[in-house]
């Protein structure tokens, strides 16, 4: 199970870097008014995949660190995964449940 979590951490780190660079590049383009409204909507769609990759990487690395400290892997895996899922569900609610004030102005 440890090998699988290490592989998940490696893959999610790559996705974290890719989505992070895309999100930062899109942020600069939106700030400078270089892009039109369609690309601005793409910019808003990048935040959840970026967060998901970051939470996956963070939870897997924290699980591996806690496994080295405690000697068991199932309990840290359950705790870190449930915390990451709760944080992601809160982010989904904040992203879709609360409307943007300037979306269609």
PDB file of N, CA and C in Angstrom:
ATOM      1  N   UNK A   1       0.817  -1.189   0.000  1.00  0.00           N
ATOM      2  CA  UNK A   1       0.000   0.000   0.000  1.00  0.00           C
ATOM      3  C   UNK A   1       0.868   1.264   0.000  1.00  0.00           C
ATOM      4  N   UNK A   2       2.021   1.191   0.651  1.00  0.00           N
ATOM      5  CA  UNK A   2       2.920   2.341   0.705  1.00  0.00           C
ATOM      6  C   UNK A   2       3.411   2.725  -0.688  1.00  0.00           C
ATOM      7  N   UNK A   3       3.723   1.733  -1.503  1.00  0.00           N
ATOM      8  CA  UNK A   3       4.191   1.999  -2.868  1.00  0.00           C
ATOM      9  C   UNK A   3       3.111   2.699  -3.696  1.00  0.00           C
ATOM     10  N   UNK A   4       1.863   2.297  -3.515  1.00  0.00           N
ATOM     11  CA  UNK A   4       0.759   2.922  -4.241  1.00  0.00           C
ATOM     12  C   UNK A   4       0.596   4.378  -3.833  1.00  0.00           C
ATOM     13  N   UNK A   5       0.692   4.654  -2.555  1.00  0.00           N
ATOM     14  CA  UNK A   5       0.557   6.037  -2.083  1.00  0.00           C
ATOM     15  C   UNK A   5       1.723   6.889  -2.571  1.00  0.00           C
ATOM     16  N   UNK A   6       2.916   6.314  -2.646  1.00  0.00           N
ATOM     17  CA  UNK A   6       4.061   7.046  -3.200  1.00  0.00           C
ATOM     18  C   UNK A   6       3.833   7.389  -4.670  1.00  0.00           C
ATOM     19  N   UNK A   7       3.286   6.453  -5.437  1.00  0.00           N
ATOM     20  CA  UNK A   7       3.001   6.712  -6.845  1.00  0.00           C
ATOM     21  C   UNK A   7       1.912   7.775  -7.010  1.00  0.00           C
ATOM     22  N   UNK A   8       0.897   7.721  -6.144  1.00  0.00           N
ATOM     23  CA  UNK A   8      -0.157   8.742  -6.179  1.00  0.00           C
ATOM     24  C   UNK A   8       0.445  10.115  -5.877  1.00  0.00           C
ATOM     25  N   UNK A   9       1.359  10.180  -4.925  1.00  0.00           N
ATOM     26  CA  UNK A   9       2.008  11.447  -4.590  1.00  0.00           C
ATOM     27  C   UNK A   9       2.820  11.967  -5.772  1.00  0.00           C
ATOM     28  N   UNK A  10       3.530  11.085  -6.458  1.00  0.00           N
ATOM     29  CA  UNK A  10       4.335  11.523  -7.605  1.00  0.00           C
ATOM     30  C   UNK A  10       3.475  12.045  -8.744  1.00  0.00           C
ATOM     31  N   UNK A  11       2.414  11.338  -9.061  1.00  0.00           N
ATOM     32  CA  UNK A  11       1.540  11.751 -10.163  1.00  0.00           C
ATOM     33  C   UNK A  11       0.785  13.030  -9.807  1.00  0.00           C
ATOM     34  N   UNK A  12       0.298  13.117  -8.583  1.00  0.00           N
ATOM     35  CA  UNK A  12      -0.448  14.313  -8.197  1.00  0.00           C
ATOM     36  C   UNK A  12       0.468  15.539  -8.122  1.00  0.00           C
ATOM     37  N   UNK A  13       1.751  15.342  -7.826  1.00  0.00           N
ATOM     38  CA  UNK A  13       2.683  16.473  -7.833  1.00  0.00           C
ATOM     39  C   UNK A  13       2.845  17.025  -9.248  1.00  0.00           C
ATOM     40  N   UNK A  14       2.906  16.153 -10.235  1.00  0.00           N
ATOM     41  CA  UNK A  14       3.001  16.606 -11.632  1.00  0.00           C
ATOM     42  C   UNK A  14       1.757  17.389 -12.020  1.00  0.00           C
ATOM     43  N   UNK A  15       0.572  16.875 -11.670  1.00  0.00           N
ATOM     44  CA  UNK A  15      -0.661  17.590 -11.967  1.00  0.00           C
ATOM     45  C   UNK A  15      -0.722  18.920 -11.211  1.00  0.00           C
ATOM     46  N   UNK A  16      -0.232  18.941  -9.973  1.00  0.00           N
ATOM     47  CA  UNK A  16      -0.207  20.169  -9.196  1.00  0.00           C
ATOM     48  C   UNK A  16       0.643  21.231  -9.886  1.00  0.00           C
ATOM     49  N   UNK A  17       1.803  20.854 -10.384  1.00  0.00           N
ATOM     50  CA  UNK A  17       2.674  21.806 -11.071  1.00  0.00           C
ATOM     51  C   UNK A  17       2.027  22.295 -12.361  1.00  0.00           C
ATOM     52  N   UNK A  18       1.471  21.392 -13.157  1.00  0.00           N
ATOM     53  CA  UNK A  18       0.864  21.768 -14.441  1.00  0.00           C
ATOM     54  C   UNK A  18      -0.332  22.689 -14.223  1.00  0.00           C
ATOM     55  N   UNK A  19      -1.251  22.293 -13.343  1.00  0.00           N
ATOM     56  CA  UNK A  19      -2.426  23.127 -13.093  1.00  0.00           C
ATOM     57  C   UNK A  19      -2.045  24.447 -12.430  1.00  0.00           C
ATOM     58  N   UNK A  20      -1.031  24.435 -11.591  1.00  0.00           N
ATOM     59  CA  UNK A  20      -0.575  25.663 -10.954  1.00  0.00           C
ATOM     60  C   UNK A  20      -0.013  26.648 -11.967  1.00  0.00           C
ATOM     61  N   UNK A  21       0.815  26.164 -12.877  1.00  0.00           N
ATOM     62  CA  UNK A  21       1.362  27.046 -13.914  1.00  0.00           C
ATOM     63  C   UNK A  21       0.270  27.574 -14.831  1.00  0.00           C
ATOM     64  N   UNK A  22      -0.679  26.712 -15.194  1.00  0.00           N
ATOM     65  CA  UNK A  22      -1.797  27.170 -16.022  1.00  0.00           C
ATOM     66  C   UNK A  22      -2.640  28.211 -15.297  1.00  0.00           C
ATOM     67  N   UNK A  23      -2.870  27.996 -14.020  1.00  0.00           N
ATOM     68  CA  UNK A  23      -3.683  28.931 -13.244  1.00  0.00           C
ATOM     69  C   UNK A  23      -2.975  30.278 -13.084  1.00  0.00           C
ATOM     70  N   UNK A  24      -1.691  30.254 -12.839  1.00  0.00           N
ATOM     71  CA  UNK A  24      -0.935  31.502 -12.712  1.00  0.00           C
ATOM     72  C   UNK A  24      -0.873  32.235 -14.047  1.00  0.00           C
ATOM     73  N   UNK A  25      -0.648  31.505 -15.135  1.00  0.00           N
ATOM     74  CA  UNK A  25      -0.622  32.142 -16.456  1.00  0.00           C
ATOM     75  C   UNK A  25      -1.983  32.736 -16.800  1.00  0.00           C
ATOM     76  N   UNK A  26      -3.053  32.020 -16.519  1.00  0.00           N
ATOM     77  CA  UNK A  26      -4.386  32.546 -16.786  1.00  0.00           C
ATOM     78  C   UNK A  26      -4.679  33.757 -15.906  1.00  0.00           C
ATOM     79  N   UNK A  27      -4.181  33.751 -14.690  1.00  0.00           N
ATOM     80  CA  UNK A  27      -4.383  34.904 -13.794  1.00  0.00           C
ATOM     81  C   UNK A  27      -3.726  36.153 -14.366  1.00  0.00           C
ATOM     82  N   UNK A  28      -2.502  36.010 -14.854  1.00  0.00           N
ATOM     83  CA  UNK A  28      -1.824  37.153 -15.451  1.00  0.00           C
ATOM     84  C   UNK A  28      -2.556  37.651 -16.696  1.00  0.00           C
ATOM     85  N   UNK A  29      -3.066  36.743 -17.507  1.00  0.00           N
ATOM     86  CA  UNK A  29      -3.790  37.161 -18.707  1.00  0.00           C
ATOM     87  C   UNK A  29      -5.100  37.861 -18.364  1.00  0.00           C
ATOM     88  N   UNK A  30      -5.780  37.402 -17.339  1.00  0.00           N
ATOM     89  CA  UNK A  30      -7.033  38.048 -16.926  1.00  0.00           C
ATOM     90  C   UNK A  30      -6.743  39.419 -16.322  1.00  0.00           C
ATOM     91  N   UNK A  31      -5.706  39.523 -15.511  1.00  0.00           N
ATOM     92  CA  UNK A  31      -5.378  40.803 -14.873  1.00  0.00           C
ATOM     93  C   UNK A  31      -5.006  41.853 -15.918  1.00  0.00           C
ATOM     94  N   UNK A  32      -4.288  41.458 -16.947  1.00  0.00           N
ATOM     95  CA  UNK A  32      -3.846  42.392 -17.974  1.00  0.00           C
ATOM     96  C   UNK A  32      -4.904  42.653 -19.048  1.00  0.00           C
ATOM     97  N   UNK A  33      -6.088  42.064 -18.918  1.00  0.00           N
ATOM     98  CA  UNK A  33      -7.178  42.181 -19.897  1.00  0.00           C
ATOM     99  C   UNK A  33      -6.759  41.743 -21.296  1.00  0.00           C
ATOM    100  N   UNK A  34      -5.972  40.696 -21.371  1.00  0.00           N
ATOM    101  CA  UNK A  34      -5.514  40.164 -22.644  1.00  0.00           C
ATOM    102  C   UNK A  34      -6.535  39.192 -23.230  1.00  0.00           C
ATOM    103  N   UNK A  35      -7.280  38.529 -22.382  1.00  0.00           N
ATOM    104  CA  UNK A  35      -8.192  37.489 -22.838  1.00  0.00           C
ATOM    105  C   UNK A  35      -9.625  37.993 -22.857  1.00  0.00           C
ATOM    106  N   UNK A  36     -10.441  37.318 -23.651  1.00  0.00           N
ATOM    107  CA  UNK A  36     -11.855  37.667 -23.711  1.00  0.00           C
ATOM    108  C   UNK A  36     -12.631  36.904 -22.639  1.00  0.00           C
ATOM    109  N   UNK A  37     -13.936  36.993 -22.666  1.00  0.00           N
ATOM    110  CA  UNK A  37     -14.787  36.423 -21.622  1.00  0.00           C
ATOM    111  C   UNK A  37     -14.736  34.888 -21.605  1.00  0.00           C
ATOM    112  N   UNK A  38     -14.579  34.252 -22.753  1.00  0.00           N
ATOM    113  CA  UNK A  38     -14.527  32.785 -22.804  1.00  0.00           C
ATOM    114  C   UNK A  38     -13.307  32.264 -22.056  1.00  0.00           C
ATOM    115  N   UNK A  39     -12.165  32.858 -22.279  1.00  0.00           N
ATOM    116  CA  UNK A  39     -10.959  32.438 -21.568  1.00  0.00           C
ATOM    117  C   UNK A  39     -11.040  32.770 -20.081  1.00  0.00           C
ATOM    118  N   UNK A  40     -11.785  33.806 -19.716  1.00  0.00           N
ATOM    119  CA  UNK A  40     -11.971  34.134 -18.310  1.00  0.00           C
ATOM    120  C   UNK A  40     -12.764  33.041 -17.614  1.00  0.00           C
ATOM    121  N   UNK A  41     -13.721  32.449 -18.327  1.00  0.00           N
ATOM    122  CA  UNK A  41     -14.475  31.332 -17.761  1.00  0.00           C
ATOM    123  C   UNK A  41     -13.583  30.101 -17.600  1.00  0.00           C
ATOM    124  N   UNK A  42     -12.654  29.899 -18.525  1.00  0.00           N
ATOM    125  CA  UNK A  42     -11.690  28.806 -18.392  1.00  0.00           C
ATOM    126  C   UNK A  42     -10.797  29.046 -17.169  1.00  0.00           C
ATOM    127  N   UNK A  43     -10.428  30.302 -16.941  1.00  0.00           N
ATOM    128  CA  UNK A  43      -9.644  30.647 -15.754  1.00  0.00           C
ATOM    129  C   UNK A  43     -10.386  30.257 -14.476  1.00  0.00           C
ATOM    130  N   UNK A  44     -11.674  30.504 -14.427  1.00  0.00           N
ATOM    131  CA  UNK A  44     -12.455  30.140 -13.241  1.00  0.00           C
ATOM    132  C   UNK A  44     -12.600  28.638 -13.094  1.00  0.00           C
ATOM    133  N   UNK A  45     -12.498  27.889 -14.172  1.00  0.00           N
ATOM    134  CA  UNK A  45     -12.641  26.434 -14.097  1.00  0.00           C
ATOM    135  C   UNK A  45     -11.351  25.745 -13.653  1.00  0.00           C
ATOM    136  N   UNK A  46     -10.238  26.448 -13.621  1.00  0.00           N
ATOM    137  CA  UNK A  46      -8.958  25.828 -13.262  1.00  0.00           C
ATOM    138  C   UNK A  46      -8.726  25.709 -11.763  1.00  0.00           C
ATOM    139  N   UNK A  47      -9.508  26.395 -10.954  1.00  0.00           N
ATOM    140  CA  UNK A  47      -9.201  26.404  -9.530  1.00  0.00           C
ATOM    141  C   UNK A  47      -9.498  25.075  -8.844  1.00  0.00           C
ATOM    142  N   UNK A  48     -10.566  24.401  -9.227  1.00  0.00           N
ATOM    143  CA  UNK A  48     -10.886  23.121  -8.571  1.00  0.00           C
ATOM    144  C   UNK A  48      -9.922  21.991  -8.939  1.00  0.00           C
ATOM    145  N   UNK A  49      -9.524  21.825 -10.207  1.00  0.00           N
ATOM    146  CA  UNK A  49      -8.510  20.794 -10.478  1.00  0.00           C
ATOM    147  C   UNK A  49      -7.173  21.085  -9.796  1.00  0.00           C
ATOM    148  N   UNK A  50      -6.817  22.360  -9.710  1.00  0.00           N
ATOM    149  CA  UNK A  50      -5.592  22.748  -9.020  1.00  0.00           C
ATOM    150  C   UNK A  50      -5.680  22.403  -7.537  1.00  0.00           C
ATOM    151  N   UNK A  51      -6.824  22.683  -6.930  1.00  0.00           N
ATOM    152  CA  UNK A  51      -7.028  22.352  -5.524  1.00  0.00           C
ATOM    153  C   UNK A  51      -7.053  20.845  -5.304  1.00  0.00           C
ATOM    154  N   UNK A  52      -7.707  20.110  -6.191  1.00  0.00           N
ATOM    155  CA  UNK A  52      -7.770  18.659  -6.054  1.00  0.00           C
ATOM    156  C   UNK A  52      -6.381  18.035  -6.144  1.00  0.00           C
ATOM    157  N   UNK A  53      -5.570  18.503  -7.088  1.00  0.00           N
ATOM    158  CA  UNK A  53      -4.203  17.978  -7.213  1.00  0.00           C
ATOM    159  C   UNK A  53      -3.380  18.324  -5.974  1.00  0.00           C
ATOM    160  N   UNK A  54      -3.541  19.536  -5.458  1.00  0.00           N
ATOM    161  CA  UNK A  54      -2.806  19.932  -4.266  1.00  0.00           C
ATOM    162  C   UNK A  54      -3.226  19.150  -3.033  1.00  0.00           C
ATOM    163  N   UNK A  55      -4.520  18.944  -2.876  1.00  0.00           N
ATOM    164  CA  UNK A  55      -5.001  18.166  -1.736  1.00  0.00           C
ATOM    165  C   UNK A  55      -4.580  16.709  -1.830  1.00  0.00           C
ATOM    166  N   UNK A  56      -4.594  16.152  -3.031  1.00  0.00           N
ATOM    167  CA  UNK A  56      -4.163  14.766  -3.207  1.00  0.00           C
ATOM    168  C   UNK A  56      -2.686  14.611  -2.888  1.00  0.00           C
ATOM    169  N   UNK A  57      -1.884  15.542  -3.383  1.00  0.00           N
ATOM    170  CA  UNK A  57      -0.453  15.489  -3.097  1.00  0.00           C
ATOM    171  C   UNK A  57      -0.186  15.684  -1.608  1.00  0.00           C
ATOM    172  N   UNK A  58      -0.829  16.670  -1.010  1.00  0.00           N
ATOM    173  CA  UNK A  58      -0.617  16.943   0.408  1.00  0.00           C
ATOM    174  C   UNK A  58      -1.060  15.794   1.302  1.00  0.00           C
ATOM    175  N   UNK A  59      -2.228  15.220   1.001  1.00  0.00           N
ATOM    176  CA  UNK A  59      -2.734  14.121   1.824  1.00  0.00           C
ATOM    177  C   UNK A  59      -1.854  12.882   1.691  1.00  0.00           C
ATOM    178  N   UNK A  60      -1.376  12.598   0.489  1.00  0.00           N
ATOM    179  CA  UNK A  60      -0.540  11.408   0.314  1.00  0.00           C
ATOM    180  C   UNK A  60       0.828  11.583   0.975  1.00  0.00           C
ATOM    181  N   UNK A  61       1.416  12.749   0.856  1.00  0.00           N
ATOM    182  CA  UNK A  61       2.705  12.988   1.506  1.00  0.00           C
ATOM    183  C   UNK A  61       2.574  13.008   3.034  1.00  0.00           C
ATOM    184  N   UNK A  62       1.481  13.602   3.534  1.00  0.00           N
ATOM    185  CA  UNK A  62       1.258  13.607   4.968  1.00  0.00           C
ATOM    186  C   UNK A  62       1.014  12.197   5.493  1.00  0.00           C
ATOM    187  N   UNK A  63       0.316  11.378   4.724  1.00  0.00           N
ATOM    188  CA  UNK A  63       0.090   9.989   5.103  1.00  0.00           C
ATOM    189  C   UNK A  63       1.413   9.232   5.193  1.00  0.00           C
ATOM    190  N   UNK A  64       2.283   9.440   4.222  1.00  0.00           N
ATOM    191  CA  UNK A  64       3.579   8.763   4.242  1.00  0.00           C
ATOM    192  C   UNK A  64       4.443   9.238   5.412  1.00  0.00           C
ATOM    193  N   UNK A  65       4.389  10.522   5.727  1.00  0.00           N
ATOM    194  CA  UNK A  65       5.148  11.041   6.864  1.00  0.00           C
ATOM    195  C   UNK A  65       4.624  10.481   8.183  1.00  0.00           C
ATOM    196  N   UNK A  66       3.303  10.460   8.319  1.00  0.00           N
ATOM    197  CA  UNK A  66       2.725   9.917   9.545  1.00  0.00           C
ATOM    198  C   UNK A  66       2.950   8.414   9.657  1.00  0.00           C
ATOM    199  N   UNK A  67       3.048   7.733   8.531  1.00  0.00           N
ATOM    200  CA  UNK A  67       3.345   6.298   8.556  1.00  0.00           C
ATOM    201  C   UNK A  67       4.753   6.054   9.081  1.00  0.00           C
ATOM    202  N   UNK A  68       5.684   6.926   8.730  1.00  0.00           N
ATOM    203  CA  UNK A  68       7.044   6.798   9.257  1.00  0.00           C
ATOM    204  C   UNK A  68       7.093   7.059  10.753  1.00  0.00           C
ATOM    205  N   UNK A  69       6.226   7.941  11.236  1.00  0.00           N
ATOM    206  CA  UNK A  69       6.216   8.271  12.670  1.00  0.00           C
ATOM    207  C   UNK A  69       5.491   7.208  13.481  1.00  0.00           C
ATOM    208  N   UNK A  70       4.297   6.803  13.028  1.00  0.00           N
ATOM    209  CA  UNK A  70       3.465   5.898  13.824  1.00  0.00           C
ATOM    210  C   UNK A  70       3.721   4.424  13.544  1.00  0.00           C
ATOM    211  N   UNK A  71       4.202   4.089  12.375  1.00  0.00           N
ATOM    212  CA  UNK A  71       4.445   2.699  12.031  1.00  0.00           C
ATOM    213  C   UNK A  71       3.259   2.003  11.379  1.00  0.00           C
ATOM    214  N   UNK A  72       2.121   2.667  11.320  1.00  0.00           N
ATOM    215  CA  UNK A  72       0.957   2.102  10.632  1.00  0.00           C
ATOM    216  C   UNK A  72       0.509   3.079   9.554  1.00  0.00           C
ATOM    217  N   UNK A  73      -0.169   2.556   8.548  1.00  0.00           N
ATOM    218  CA  UNK A  73      -0.530   3.410   7.427  1.00  0.00           C
ATOM    219  C   UNK A  73      -2.033   3.604   7.279  1.00  0.00           C
ATOM    220  N   UNK A  74      -2.835   2.687   7.779  1.00  0.00           N
ATOM    221  CA  UNK A  74      -4.281   2.779   7.547  1.00  0.00           C
ATOM    222  C   UNK A  74      -4.924   3.946   8.281  1.00  0.00           C
ATOM    223  N   UNK A  75      -4.579   4.150   9.532  1.00  0.00           N
ATOM    224  CA  UNK A  75      -5.186   5.250  10.295  1.00  0.00           C
ATOM    225  C   UNK A  75      -4.813   6.615   9.727  1.00  0.00           C
ATOM    226  N   UNK A  76      -3.515   6.899   9.446  1.00  0.00           N
ATOM    227  CA  UNK A  76      -3.202   8.193   8.823  1.00  0.00           C
ATOM    228  C   UNK A  76      -3.848   8.360   7.450  1.00  0.00           C
ATOM    229  N   UNK A  77      -3.971   7.257   6.704  1.00  0.00           N
ATOM    230  CA  UNK A  77      -4.597   7.341   5.390  1.00  0.00           C
ATOM    231  C   UNK A  77      -6.065   7.721   5.505  1.00  0.00           C
ATOM    232  N   UNK A  78      -6.762   7.133   6.447  1.00  0.00           N
ATOM    233  CA  UNK A  78      -8.182   7.447   6.635  1.00  0.00           C
ATOM    234  C   UNK A  78      -8.351   8.893   7.095  1.00  0.00           C
ATOM    235  N   UNK A  79      -7.525   9.330   8.037  1.00  0.00           N
ATOM    236  CA  UNK A  79      -7.645  10.686   8.563  1.00  0.00           C
ATOM    237  C   UNK A  79      -7.309  11.725   7.494  1.00  0.00           C
ATOM    238  N   UNK A  80      -6.201  11.538   6.797  1.00  0.00           N
ATOM    239  CA  UNK A  80      -5.785  12.519   5.785  1.00  0.00           C
ATOM    240  C   UNK A  80      -6.742  12.551   4.599  1.00  0.00           C
ATOM    241  N   UNK A  81      -7.214  11.401   4.182  1.00  0.00           N
ATOM    242  CA  UNK A  81      -8.143  11.350   3.062  1.00  0.00           C
ATOM    243  C   UNK A  81      -9.471  11.995   3.419  1.00  0.00           C
ATOM    244  N   UNK A  82      -9.986  11.714   4.606  1.00  0.00           N
ATOM    245  CA  UNK A  82     -11.263  12.315   4.986  1.00  0.00           C
ATOM    246  C   UNK A  82     -11.132  13.830   5.139  1.00  0.00           C
ATOM    247  N   UNK A  83     -10.008  14.305   5.664  1.00  0.00           N
ATOM    248  CA  UNK A  83      -9.787  15.745   5.767  1.00  0.00           C
ATOM    249  C   UNK A  83      -9.714  16.390   4.386  1.00  0.00           C
ATOM    250  N   UNK A  84      -9.015  15.755   3.455  1.00  0.00           N
ATOM    251  CA  UNK A  84      -8.913  16.292   2.095  1.00  0.00           C
ATOM    252  C   UNK A  84     -10.271  16.303   1.404  1.00  0.00           C
ATOM    253  N   UNK A  85     -11.066  15.264   1.603  1.00  0.00           N
ATOM    254  CA  UNK A  85     -12.399  15.211   0.984  1.00  0.00           C
ATOM    255  C   UNK A  85     -13.294  16.313   1.547  1.00  0.00           C
ATOM    256  N   UNK A  86     -13.253  16.517   2.859  1.00  0.00           N
ATOM    257  CA  UNK A  86     -14.069  17.575   3.471  1.00  0.00           C
ATOM    258  C   UNK A  86     -13.646  18.950   2.954  1.00  0.00           C
ATOM    259  N   UNK A  87     -12.355  19.200   2.865  1.00  0.00           N
ATOM    260  CA  UNK A  87     -11.881  20.480   2.342  1.00  0.00           C
ATOM    261  C   UNK A  87     -12.283  20.678   0.886  1.00  0.00           C
ATOM    262  N   UNK A  88     -12.235  19.616   0.091  1.00  0.00           N
ATOM    263  CA  UNK A  88     -12.625  19.731  -1.310  1.00  0.00           C
ATOM    264  C   UNK A  88     -14.128  19.966  -1.443  1.00  0.00           C
ATOM    265  N   UNK A  89     -14.930  19.315  -0.624  1.00  0.00           N
ATOM    266  CA  UNK A  89     -16.380  19.542  -0.657  1.00  0.00           C
ATOM    267  C   UNK A  89     -16.726  20.966  -0.237  1.00  0.00           C
ATOM    268  N   UNK A  90     -16.014  21.515   0.735  1.00  0.00           N
ATOM    269  CA  UNK A  90     -16.215  22.913   1.119  1.00  0.00           C
ATOM    270  C   UNK A  90     -15.862  23.831  -0.039  1.00  0.00           C
ATOM    271  N   UNK A  91     -14.775  23.530  -0.737  1.00  0.00           N
ATOM    272  CA  UNK A  91     -14.380  24.358  -1.884  1.00  0.00           C
ATOM    273  C   UNK A  91     -15.404  24.265  -3.014  1.00  0.00           C
ATOM    274  N   UNK A  92     -15.959  23.086  -3.245  1.00  0.00           N
ATOM    275  CA  UNK A  92     -17.001  22.939  -4.269  1.00  0.00           C
ATOM    276  C   UNK A  92     -18.227  23.758  -3.892  1.00  0.00           C
ATOM    277  N   UNK A  93     -18.605  23.694  -2.622  1.00  0.00           N
ATOM    278  CA  UNK A  93     -19.755  24.486  -2.181  1.00  0.00           C
ATOM    279  C   UNK A  93     -19.486  25.978  -2.359  1.00  0.00           C
ATOM    280  N   UNK A  94     -18.314  26.435  -1.964  1.00  0.00           N
ATOM    281  CA  UNK A  94     -17.994  27.854  -2.105  1.00  0.00           C
ATOM    282  C   UNK A  94     -17.898  28.266  -3.567  1.00  0.00           C
ATOM    283  N   UNK A  95     -17.477  27.361  -4.428  1.00  0.00           N
ATOM    284  CA  UNK A  95     -17.329  27.679  -5.841  1.00  0.00           C
ATOM    285  C   UNK A  95     -18.679  27.717  -6.562  1.00  0.00           C
ATOM    286  N   UNK A  96     -19.557  26.769  -6.262  1.00  0.00           N
ATOM    287  CA  UNK A  96     -20.820  26.675  -6.976  1.00  0.00           C
ATOM    288  C   UNK A  96     -22.013  27.170  -6.167  1.00  0.00           C
ATOM    289  N   UNK A  97     -21.936  27.129  -4.858  1.00  0.00           N
ATOM    290  CA  UNK A  97     -23.066  27.508  -4.020  1.00  0.00           C
ATOM    291  C   UNK A  97     -23.220  29.002  -3.847  1.00  0.00           C
ATOM    292  N   UNK A  98     -22.129  29.728  -3.908  1.00  0.00           N
ATOM    293  CA  UNK A  98     -22.162  31.179  -3.751  1.00  0.00           C
ATOM    294  C   UNK A  98     -21.910  31.805  -5.121  1.00  0.00           C
ATOM    295  N   UNK A  99     -22.886  32.533  -5.662  1.00  0.00           N
ATOM    296  CA  UNK A  99     -22.698  33.098  -7.003  1.00  0.00           C
ATOM    297  C   UNK A  99     -21.679  34.237  -7.001  1.00  0.00           C
ATOM    298  N   UNK A 100     -20.986  34.362  -8.126  1.00  0.00           N
ATOM    299  CA  UNK A 100     -20.052  35.467  -8.296  1.00  0.00           C
ATOM    300  C   UNK A 100     -20.822  36.739  -8.572  1.00  0.00           C
ATOM    301  N   UNK A 101     -20.399  37.833  -7.973  1.00  0.00           N
ATOM    302  CA  UNK A 101     -21.112  39.087  -8.137  1.00  0.00           C
ATOM    303  C   UNK A 101     -20.854  39.718  -9.504  1.00  0.00           C
ATOM    304  N   UNK A 102     -19.658  39.554 -10.058  1.00  0.00           N
ATOM    305  CA  UNK A 102     -19.288  40.220 -11.302  1.00  0.00           C
ATOM    306  C   UNK A 102     -19.275  39.289 -12.501  1.00  0.00           C
ATOM    307  N   UNK A 103     -19.985  38.186 -12.454  1.00  0.00           N
ATOM    308  CA  UNK A 103     -19.876  37.200 -13.514  1.00  0.00           C
ATOM    309  C   UNK A 103     -20.466  37.685 -14.833  1.00  0.00           C
ATOM    310  N   UNK A 104     -21.596  38.349 -14.796  1.00  0.00           N
ATOM    311  CA  UNK A 104     -22.252  38.734 -16.043  1.00  0.00           C
ATOM    312  C   UNK A 104     -22.396  40.230 -16.198  1.00  0.00           C
ATOM    313  N   UNK A 105     -21.495  40.985 -15.642  1.00  0.00           N
ATOM    314  CA  UNK A 105     -21.569  42.441 -15.801  1.00  0.00           C
ATOM    315  C   UNK A 105     -20.699  42.911 -16.912  1.00  0.00           C
TER     316      UNK A 105
END
